[in-house]
């Protein structure tokens, strides 16, 4: 098969697949980042500069904001890119991506993330998982559920006392969330890192 024929083949993924990839996400920033990633992975044809260049630049800016190192210039850049894509993209796919970004920018999500808060608590760099000491019964179910050995503690056994509550080692925690449903006692909570710093919540050992 010639190179020209291969380029003309229809993409295996369309915009319906892109939308399906973000439907379970709640955070507008995470949705935007995932949408652009999925758009770049297949549906984008790359035949016009607004999509080919703008989408990659938008993704870089979105990742900066999600990582907690973004600023107002990054938000402005995403808005500018969306405007250019909406006007200059030659296909509906590029324009739909631009509209998706614009809809996200119209919310308070981006300004909240610049302030260090993810309202939906889906951005790993803005949240932390923490054991509530007074609720922990030292059953060890959270430790069993953690594939990353991020939970520190010893399971309670009969006829012994003095067990400290389990703790989550933040250096090892990848924010996967597997520990939350594993705990039947509601002893694990997700908190904003910024809020933790403001109230002086004690973190677990960074081992």
C-alpha atoms as a PDB file:
ATOM      1  CA  UNK A   1       0.000   0.000   0.000  1.00  0.00           C
ATOM      2  CA  UNK A   2       1.358   3.389  -0.973  1.00  0.00           C
ATOM      3  CA  UNK A   3       2.150   6.106   1.593  1.00  0.00           C
ATOM      4  CA  UNK A   4      -0.538   8.320   0.045  1.00  0.00           C
ATOM      5  CA  UNK A   5      -3.181   5.637   0.423  1.00  0.00           C
ATOM      6  CA  UNK A   6      -2.206   5.097   4.049  1.00  0.00           C
ATOM      7  CA  UNK A   7      -2.565   8.811   4.807  1.00  0.00           C
ATOM      8  CA  UNK A   8      -6.018   8.849   3.253  1.00  0.00           C
ATOM      9  CA  UNK A   9      -7.291   6.001   5.403  1.00  0.00           C
ATOM     10  CA  UNK A  10     -10.048   7.104   7.785  1.00  0.00           C
ATOM     11  CA  UNK A  11      -8.976   7.328  11.454  1.00  0.00           C
ATOM     12  CA  UNK A  12      -9.868   4.397  13.677  1.00  0.00           C
ATOM     13  CA  UNK A  13     -11.051   6.805  16.372  1.00  0.00           C
ATOM     14  CA  UNK A  14     -13.632   9.540  15.805  1.00  0.00           C
ATOM     15  CA  UNK A  15     -14.946  12.421  17.899  1.00  0.00           C
ATOM     16  CA  UNK A  16     -17.589  10.206  19.496  1.00  0.00           C
ATOM     17  CA  UNK A  17     -14.754   8.145  20.956  1.00  0.00           C
ATOM     18  CA  UNK A  18     -13.074  11.322  22.198  1.00  0.00           C
ATOM     19  CA  UNK A  19     -16.246  12.394  23.989  1.00  0.00           C
ATOM     20  CA  UNK A  20     -16.680   8.910  25.454  1.00  0.00           C
ATOM     21  CA  UNK A  21     -13.169   9.097  26.905  1.00  0.00           C
ATOM     22  CA  UNK A  22     -14.030  12.153  29.010  1.00  0.00           C
ATOM     23  CA  UNK A  23     -17.607  11.391  30.029  1.00  0.00           C
ATOM     24  CA  UNK A  24     -16.653   9.914  33.413  1.00  0.00           C
ATOM     25  CA  UNK A  25     -14.421  12.839  34.372  1.00  0.00           C
ATOM     26  CA  UNK A  26     -15.922  15.677  36.431  1.00  0.00           C
ATOM     27  CA  UNK A  27     -13.109  18.238  36.585  1.00  0.00           C
ATOM     28  CA  UNK A  28     -13.292  20.600  33.600  1.00  0.00           C
ATOM     29  CA  UNK A  29      -9.500  20.843  33.481  1.00  0.00           C
ATOM     30  CA  UNK A  30      -9.047  17.064  33.447  1.00  0.00           C
ATOM     31  CA  UNK A  31     -11.779  16.792  30.836  1.00  0.00           C
ATOM     32  CA  UNK A  32     -10.061  19.389  28.646  1.00  0.00           C
ATOM     33  CA  UNK A  33      -6.678  17.717  28.960  1.00  0.00           C
ATOM     34  CA  UNK A  34      -8.076  14.272  28.183  1.00  0.00           C
ATOM     35  CA  UNK A  35     -10.138  15.621  25.277  1.00  0.00           C
ATOM     36  CA  UNK A  36      -7.097  17.197  23.627  1.00  0.00           C
ATOM     37  CA  UNK A  37      -4.977  14.086  24.252  1.00  0.00           C
ATOM     38  CA  UNK A  38      -7.596  11.874  22.619  1.00  0.00           C
ATOM     39  CA  UNK A  39      -8.033  14.333  19.750  1.00  0.00           C
ATOM     40  CA  UNK A  40      -4.291  14.319  19.077  1.00  0.00           C
ATOM     41  CA  UNK A  41      -4.056  10.523  19.298  1.00  0.00           C
ATOM     42  CA  UNK A  42      -6.147   9.856  16.198  1.00  0.00           C
ATOM     43  CA  UNK A  43      -8.957  12.144  14.943  1.00  0.00           C
ATOM     44  CA  UNK A  44      -6.715  15.148  14.181  1.00  0.00           C
ATOM     45  CA  UNK A  45      -5.610  14.977  10.561  1.00  0.00           C
ATOM     46  CA  UNK A  46      -2.807  17.554  10.917  1.00  0.00           C
ATOM     47  CA  UNK A  47      -3.562  19.191   7.583  1.00  0.00           C
ATOM     48  CA  UNK A  48      -4.000  22.704   8.981  1.00  0.00           C
ATOM     49  CA  UNK A  49      -1.770  24.655  11.346  1.00  0.00           C
ATOM     50  CA  UNK A  50      -4.392  25.722  13.931  1.00  0.00           C
ATOM     51  CA  UNK A  51      -4.977  22.091  14.890  1.00  0.00           C
ATOM     52  CA  UNK A  52      -1.530  20.673  14.204  1.00  0.00           C
ATOM     53  CA  UNK A  53       0.302  23.324  16.226  1.00  0.00           C
ATOM     54  CA  UNK A  54      -2.391  24.754  18.471  1.00  0.00           C
ATOM     55  CA  UNK A  55      -3.575  21.474  19.968  1.00  0.00           C
ATOM     56  CA  UNK A  56      -0.093  20.461  21.066  1.00  0.00           C
ATOM     57  CA  UNK A  57       0.547  23.872  22.606  1.00  0.00           C
ATOM     58  CA  UNK A  58      -2.827  23.803  24.363  1.00  0.00           C
ATOM     59  CA  UNK A  59      -2.012  20.385  25.851  1.00  0.00           C
ATOM     60  CA  UNK A  60       1.302  21.664  27.216  1.00  0.00           C
ATOM     61  CA  UNK A  61      -0.478  24.599  28.868  1.00  0.00           C
ATOM     62  CA  UNK A  62      -3.241  22.396  30.289  1.00  0.00           C
ATOM     63  CA  UNK A  63      -0.686  20.020  31.789  1.00  0.00           C
ATOM     64  CA  UNK A  64       1.115  22.935  33.434  1.00  0.00           C
ATOM     65  CA  UNK A  65      -2.105  24.111  35.060  1.00  0.00           C
ATOM     66  CA  UNK A  66      -3.019  20.586  36.146  1.00  0.00           C
ATOM     67  CA  UNK A  67       0.447  20.110  37.658  1.00  0.00           C
ATOM     68  CA  UNK A  68       0.026  23.218  39.780  1.00  0.00           C
ATOM     69  CA  UNK A  69       2.725  25.252  38.006  1.00  0.00           C
ATOM     70  CA  UNK A  70       0.497  27.130  35.567  1.00  0.00           C
ATOM     71  CA  UNK A  71      -0.365  30.805  35.600  1.00  0.00           C
ATOM     72  CA  UNK A  72      -2.694  33.314  33.982  1.00  0.00           C
ATOM     73  CA  UNK A  73      -0.576  33.352  30.843  1.00  0.00           C
ATOM     74  CA  UNK A  74      -1.223  29.641  30.354  1.00  0.00           C
ATOM     75  CA  UNK A  75      -4.975  30.140  30.692  1.00  0.00           C
ATOM     76  CA  UNK A  76      -4.852  33.060  28.261  1.00  0.00           C
ATOM     77  CA  UNK A  77      -2.838  30.965  25.805  1.00  0.00           C
ATOM     78  CA  UNK A  78      -5.419  28.162  25.864  1.00  0.00           C
ATOM     79  CA  UNK A  79      -8.148  30.721  25.196  1.00  0.00           C
ATOM     80  CA  UNK A  80      -6.203  32.270  22.329  1.00  0.00           C
ATOM     81  CA  UNK A  81      -5.509  28.863  20.793  1.00  0.00           C
ATOM     82  CA  UNK A  82      -9.188  27.913  21.023  1.00  0.00           C
ATOM     83  CA  UNK A  83     -10.177  31.166  19.275  1.00  0.00           C
ATOM     84  CA  UNK A  84      -7.706  30.548  16.449  1.00  0.00           C
ATOM     85  CA  UNK A  85      -8.755  26.909  16.075  1.00  0.00           C
ATOM     86  CA  UNK A  86     -12.428  27.826  15.917  1.00  0.00           C
ATOM     87  CA  UNK A  87     -11.797  30.338  13.171  1.00  0.00           C
ATOM     88  CA  UNK A  88      -8.977  28.690  11.254  1.00  0.00           C
ATOM     89  CA  UNK A  89      -9.575  24.937  11.468  1.00  0.00           C
ATOM     90  CA  UNK A  90     -10.696  23.498   8.150  1.00  0.00           C
ATOM     91  CA  UNK A  91     -12.765  20.665   9.606  1.00  0.00           C
ATOM     92  CA  UNK A  92     -15.508  20.218  12.159  1.00  0.00           C
ATOM     93  CA  UNK A  93     -13.264  18.122  14.403  1.00  0.00           C
ATOM     94  CA  UNK A  94     -10.912  21.009  15.058  1.00  0.00           C
ATOM     95  CA  UNK A  95     -13.771  23.414  15.620  1.00  0.00           C
ATOM     96  CA  UNK A  96     -15.467  21.003  18.035  1.00  0.00           C
ATOM     97  CA  UNK A  97     -12.234  20.771  20.024  1.00  0.00           C
ATOM     98  CA  UNK A  98     -12.039  24.548  20.158  1.00  0.00           C
ATOM     99  CA  UNK A  99     -15.624  24.797  21.401  1.00  0.00           C
ATOM    100  CA  UNK A 100     -14.941  22.175  24.071  1.00  0.00           C
ATOM    101  CA  UNK A 101     -12.012  24.226  25.368  1.00  0.00           C
ATOM    102  CA  UNK A 102     -14.072  27.411  25.303  1.00  0.00           C
ATOM    103  CA  UNK A 103     -16.856  25.799  27.311  1.00  0.00           C
ATOM    104  CA  UNK A 104     -14.327  24.699  29.934  1.00  0.00           C
ATOM    105  CA  UNK A 105     -12.725  28.129  30.069  1.00  0.00           C
ATOM    106  CA  UNK A 106     -16.139  29.670  30.697  1.00  0.00           C
ATOM    107  CA  UNK A 107     -16.275  27.942  34.117  1.00  0.00           C
ATOM    108  CA  UNK A 108     -14.406  28.902  37.285  1.00  0.00           C
ATOM    109  CA  UNK A 109     -12.310  25.742  37.111  1.00  0.00           C
ATOM    110  CA  UNK A 110      -9.145  27.283  35.708  1.00  0.00           C
ATOM    111  CA  UNK A 111      -9.003  30.158  38.190  1.00  0.00           C
ATOM    112  CA  UNK A 112      -9.643  27.708  41.026  1.00  0.00           C
ATOM    113  CA  UNK A 113      -6.762  25.503  39.900  1.00  0.00           C
ATOM    114  CA  UNK A 114      -4.444  28.493  39.715  1.00  0.00           C
ATOM    115  CA  UNK A 115      -5.390  29.078  43.359  1.00  0.00           C
ATOM    116  CA  UNK A 116      -4.453  25.471  44.139  1.00  0.00           C
ATOM    117  CA  UNK A 117      -7.933  23.962  44.386  1.00  0.00           C
ATOM    118  CA  UNK A 118      -9.546  21.189  42.343  1.00  0.00           C
ATOM    119  CA  UNK A 119     -13.196  21.262  43.352  1.00  0.00           C
ATOM    120  CA  UNK A 120     -13.822  17.773  41.952  1.00  0.00           C
ATOM    121  CA  UNK A 121     -10.597  16.483  43.519  1.00  0.00           C
ATOM    122  CA  UNK A 122      -9.465  14.695  40.378  1.00  0.00           C
ATOM    123  CA  UNK A 123      -6.147  16.494  39.800  1.00  0.00           C
ATOM    124  CA  UNK A 124      -3.433  14.478  41.612  1.00  0.00           C
ATOM    125  CA  UNK A 125      -1.166  17.471  42.183  1.00  0.00           C
ATOM    126  CA  UNK A 126      -3.903  19.352  44.036  1.00  0.00           C
ATOM    127  CA  UNK A 127      -5.088  16.637  46.441  1.00  0.00           C
ATOM    128  CA  UNK A 128      -3.871  14.139  49.007  1.00  0.00           C
ATOM    129  CA  UNK A 129      -5.351  10.998  50.576  1.00  0.00           C
ATOM    130  CA  UNK A 130      -5.329  10.895  54.364  1.00  0.00           C
ATOM    131  CA  UNK A 131      -6.383   8.421  57.053  1.00  0.00           C
ATOM    132  CA  UNK A 132      -8.714   9.901  59.675  1.00  0.00           C
ATOM    133  CA  UNK A 133      -7.077   8.613  62.900  1.00  0.00           C
ATOM    134  CA  UNK A 134     -10.220   8.592  65.042  1.00  0.00           C
ATOM    135  CA  UNK A 135     -12.064   6.443  62.486  1.00  0.00           C
ATOM    136  CA  UNK A 136      -9.286   3.961  61.719  1.00  0.00           C
ATOM    137  CA  UNK A 137      -9.812   0.524  63.317  1.00  0.00           C
ATOM    138  CA  UNK A 138      -6.488  -0.859  62.029  1.00  0.00           C
ATOM    139  CA  UNK A 139      -8.183  -3.573  59.961  1.00  0.00           C
ATOM    140  CA  UNK A 140      -5.590  -3.300  57.195  1.00  0.00           C
ATOM    141  CA  UNK A 141      -8.044  -3.421  54.280  1.00  0.00           C
ATOM    142  CA  UNK A 142      -6.653  -0.197  52.829  1.00  0.00           C
ATOM    143  CA  UNK A 143      -3.119  -1.588  53.040  1.00  0.00           C
ATOM    144  CA  UNK A 144      -4.204  -4.751  51.218  1.00  0.00           C
ATOM    145  CA  UNK A 145      -5.836  -2.667  48.479  1.00  0.00           C
ATOM    146  CA  UNK A 146      -2.785  -0.473  47.867  1.00  0.00           C
ATOM    147  CA  UNK A 147      -0.579  -1.786  45.054  1.00  0.00           C
ATOM    148  CA  UNK A 148       2.088   0.848  45.705  1.00  0.00           C
ATOM    149  CA  UNK A 149       2.899   0.077  49.358  1.00  0.00           C
ATOM    150  CA  UNK A 150       1.878   3.595  50.306  1.00  0.00           C
ATOM    151  CA  UNK A 151      -0.071   2.595  53.438  1.00  0.00           C
ATOM    152  CA  UNK A 152       1.878   2.257  56.659  1.00  0.00           C
ATOM    153  CA  UNK A 153       0.481   0.363  59.646  1.00  0.00           C
ATOM    154  CA  UNK A 154       0.087  -2.924  61.465  1.00  0.00           C
ATOM    155  CA  UNK A 155      -3.150  -4.884  61.535  1.00  0.00           C
ATOM    156  CA  UNK A 156      -4.819  -5.162  64.915  1.00  0.00           C
ATOM    157  CA  UNK A 157      -4.772  -8.588  66.522  1.00  0.00           C
ATOM    158  CA  UNK A 158      -6.613  -9.896  69.562  1.00  0.00           C
ATOM    159  CA  UNK A 159      -5.247  -9.391  73.069  1.00  0.00           C
ATOM    160  CA  UNK A 160      -2.844  -6.664  72.015  1.00  0.00           C
ATOM    161  CA  UNK A 161      -3.177  -2.919  72.434  1.00  0.00           C
ATOM    162  CA  UNK A 162      -1.340   0.266  71.538  1.00  0.00           C
ATOM    163  CA  UNK A 163      -1.742   0.111  67.762  1.00  0.00           C
ATOM    164  CA  UNK A 164      -1.339   3.514  66.083  1.00  0.00           C
ATOM    165  CA  UNK A 165      -3.748   4.396  63.231  1.00  0.00           C
ATOM    166  CA  UNK A 166      -2.676   3.562  59.704  1.00  0.00           C
ATOM    167  CA  UNK A 167      -1.030   6.332  57.690  1.00  0.00           C
ATOM    168  CA  UNK A 168      -0.600   7.065  53.985  1.00  0.00           C
ATOM    169  CA  UNK A 169       2.931   7.848  52.877  1.00  0.00           C
ATOM    170  CA  UNK A 170       2.540  10.763  50.517  1.00  0.00           C
ATOM    171  CA  UNK A 171       5.802  10.158  48.650  1.00  0.00           C
ATOM    172  CA  UNK A 172       4.522   6.767  47.521  1.00  0.00           C
ATOM    173  CA  UNK A 173       0.842   7.588  47.044  1.00  0.00           C
ATOM    174  CA  UNK A 174      -0.105   7.900  43.366  1.00  0.00           C
ATOM    175  CA  UNK A 175      -3.666   9.089  44.129  1.00  0.00           C
ATOM    176  CA  UNK A 176      -5.234   6.058  42.413  1.00  0.00           C
ATOM    177  CA  UNK A 177      -8.116   6.000  44.917  1.00  0.00           C
ATOM    178  CA  UNK A 178      -8.162   2.231  45.453  1.00  0.00           C
ATOM    179  CA  UNK A 179      -8.060   2.684  49.228  1.00  0.00           C
ATOM    180  CA  UNK A 180     -11.297   4.678  49.396  1.00  0.00           C
ATOM    181  CA  UNK A 181     -13.774   1.897  48.521  1.00  0.00           C
ATOM    182  CA  UNK A 182     -11.638  -0.629  50.410  1.00  0.00           C
ATOM    183  CA  UNK A 183     -12.320   1.059  53.761  1.00  0.00           C
ATOM    184  CA  UNK A 184     -15.803   0.187  55.104  1.00  0.00           C
ATOM    185  CA  UNK A 185     -15.421   2.636  58.000  1.00  0.00           C
ATOM    186  CA  UNK A 186     -15.037   5.866  56.018  1.00  0.00           C
ATOM    187  CA  UNK A 187     -11.606   6.392  57.572  1.00  0.00           C
ATOM    188  CA  UNK A 188      -9.960   7.733  54.432  1.00  0.00           C
ATOM    189  CA  UNK A 189     -10.602  11.208  53.073  1.00  0.00           C
ATOM    190  CA  UNK A 190      -9.430  13.248  50.106  1.00  0.00           C
ATOM    191  CA  UNK A 191      -8.384  16.783  50.969  1.00  0.00           C
ATOM    192  CA  UNK A 192      -6.992  19.747  49.055  1.00  0.00           C
ATOM    193  CA  UNK A 193      -3.246  20.118  49.493  1.00  0.00           C
ATOM    194  CA  UNK A 194      -3.698  23.867  49.777  1.00  0.00           C
ATOM    195  CA  UNK A 195      -6.334  23.450  52.487  1.00  0.00           C
ATOM    196  CA  UNK A 196      -4.054  21.019  54.329  1.00  0.00           C
ATOM    197  CA  UNK A 197      -1.247  23.578  54.308  1.00  0.00           C
ATOM    198  CA  UNK A 198      -3.540  26.323  55.556  1.00  0.00           C
ATOM    199  CA  UNK A 199      -4.890  24.377  58.543  1.00  0.00           C
ATOM    200  CA  UNK A 200      -1.654  22.542  59.288  1.00  0.00           C
ATOM    201  CA  UNK A 201      -2.871  18.980  58.769  1.00  0.00           C
ATOM    202  CA  UNK A 202      -0.137  16.535  59.767  1.00  0.00           C
ATOM    203  CA  UNK A 203       1.076  14.331  56.931  1.00  0.00           C
ATOM    204  CA  UNK A 204       2.340  10.778  57.145  1.00  0.00           C
ATOM    205  CA  UNK A 205       6.028   9.799  56.976  1.00  0.00           C
ATOM    206  CA  UNK A 206       7.602  10.330  53.551  1.00  0.00           C
ATOM    207  CA  UNK A 207       9.271   6.977  53.300  1.00  0.00           C
END
